[in-house]
Protein backbone atom coordinates (compact mmCIF):
# COMPACT_ATOMS: atom_id res chain seq x y z
CA UNK A 1 123.19 91.92 75.09
CA UNK A 2 124.07 91.07 78.65
CA UNK A 3 120.84 92.50 80.08
CA UNK A 4 118.87 90.51 77.34
CA UNK A 5 120.92 87.18 78.53
CA UNK A 6 120.50 88.19 82.08
CA UNK A 7 116.62 88.63 81.69
CA UNK A 8 116.00 85.25 79.76
CA UNK A 9 118.13 83.26 82.71
CA UNK A 10 115.77 84.98 85.32
CA UNK A 11 112.76 83.95 83.37
CA UNK A 12 113.83 80.70 83.23
CA UNK A 13 114.72 80.78 86.59
CA UNK A 14 111.20 82.10 87.69
CA UNK A 15 109.45 79.26 85.40
CA UNK A 16 111.44 76.64 87.46
CA UNK A 17 110.99 77.61 90.72
CA UNK A 18 107.84 79.00 90.58
CA UNK A 19 105.75 75.90 90.53
CA UNK A 20 105.62 73.18 93.18
CA UNK A 21 104.68 69.54 92.88
CA UNK A 22 101.71 69.54 94.72
CA UNK A 23 98.59 68.66 92.41
CA UNK A 24 95.31 69.85 93.09
CA UNK A 25 92.24 68.51 90.76
CA UNK A 26 89.10 70.67 89.96
CA UNK A 27 86.49 70.14 87.30
CA UNK A 28 86.64 71.46 84.13
CA UNK A 29 83.89 74.29 83.33
CA UNK A 30 83.32 75.74 79.68
CA UNK A 31 84.66 72.70 77.79
CA UNK A 32 82.39 71.29 74.90
CA UNK A 33 79.63 69.00 75.50
CA UNK A 34 80.78 65.42 76.08
CA UNK A 35 84.19 66.14 77.47
CA UNK A 36 84.20 65.44 81.38
CA UNK A 37 88.18 65.55 81.75
CA UNK A 38 89.87 66.91 85.00
CA UNK A 39 92.26 69.56 84.93
CA UNK A 40 95.49 69.00 87.02
CA UNK A 41 96.63 72.42 88.52
CA UNK A 42 100.11 72.25 88.61
CA UNK A 43 100.54 75.47 90.30
CA UNK A 44 98.48 78.50 91.18
CA UNK A 45 100.69 81.65 92.55
CA UNK A 46 100.06 85.04 92.94
CA UNK A 47 102.88 87.26 91.35
CA UNK A 48 104.18 88.17 94.26
CA UNK A 49 104.67 84.77 95.46
CA UNK A 50 106.39 83.76 92.14
CA UNK A 51 108.67 86.35 92.09
CA UNK A 52 109.68 86.39 96.03
CA UNK A 53 113.26 85.98 96.94
CA UNK A 54 114.31 86.76 93.31
CA UNK A 55 116.41 89.75 92.94
CA UNK A 56 115.13 91.39 89.68
CA UNK A 57 115.33 95.20 88.97
CA UNK A 58 112.32 97.14 89.34
CA UNK A 59 112.13 98.53 85.95
CA UNK A 60 111.95 94.73 84.33
CA UNK A 61 109.26 93.53 87.14
CA UNK A 62 106.85 96.02 85.79
CA UNK A 63 107.05 94.65 82.33
CA UNK A 64 106.38 91.20 83.73
CA UNK A 65 102.82 89.39 83.83
CA UNK A 66 101.79 85.93 85.30
CA UNK A 67 99.32 84.24 83.22
CA UNK A 68 97.58 81.23 83.48
CA UNK A 69 97.70 78.14 80.90
CA UNK A 70 96.23 75.15 80.10
CA UNK A 71 97.77 72.41 77.95
CA UNK A 72 97.73 68.71 77.34
CA UNK A 73 100.91 66.95 79.24
CA UNK A 74 103.00 64.10 78.20
CA UNK A 75 100.66 61.90 80.17
CA UNK A 76 97.69 62.69 77.93
CA UNK A 77 96.02 64.67 80.70
CA UNK A 78 94.80 68.29 80.58
CA UNK A 79 96.83 70.48 83.28
CA UNK A 80 96.72 74.00 84.07
CA UNK A 81 100.34 75.93 84.87
CA UNK A 82 101.46 79.46 85.13
CA UNK A 83 104.25 81.42 83.23
CA UNK A 84 105.76 84.73 83.65
CA UNK A 85 105.92 86.77 80.58
CA UNK A 86 107.33 90.02 79.14
CA UNK A 87 104.17 92.18 78.60
CA UNK A 88 104.63 95.19 76.22
CA UNK A 89 102.39 98.03 75.98
């Protein structure tokens, strides 16, 4: 039970510290015709950068994956962010 709680806390911590506030703009590719929105890149880290400086046991680290997600933000624009999630085979 405590391990699950600590794992959840680590994941939340990783999500909150892994994205910096510098925003980059890139054009959206592969969107349906007529859509010319711009994607705002919230973060673009490697797994190693996202987990740097955080003490997580190796058996937990090996089951984590960094994924890239696109979403509509509260500002009505498309953003791209990253999330660390558990990966089970």
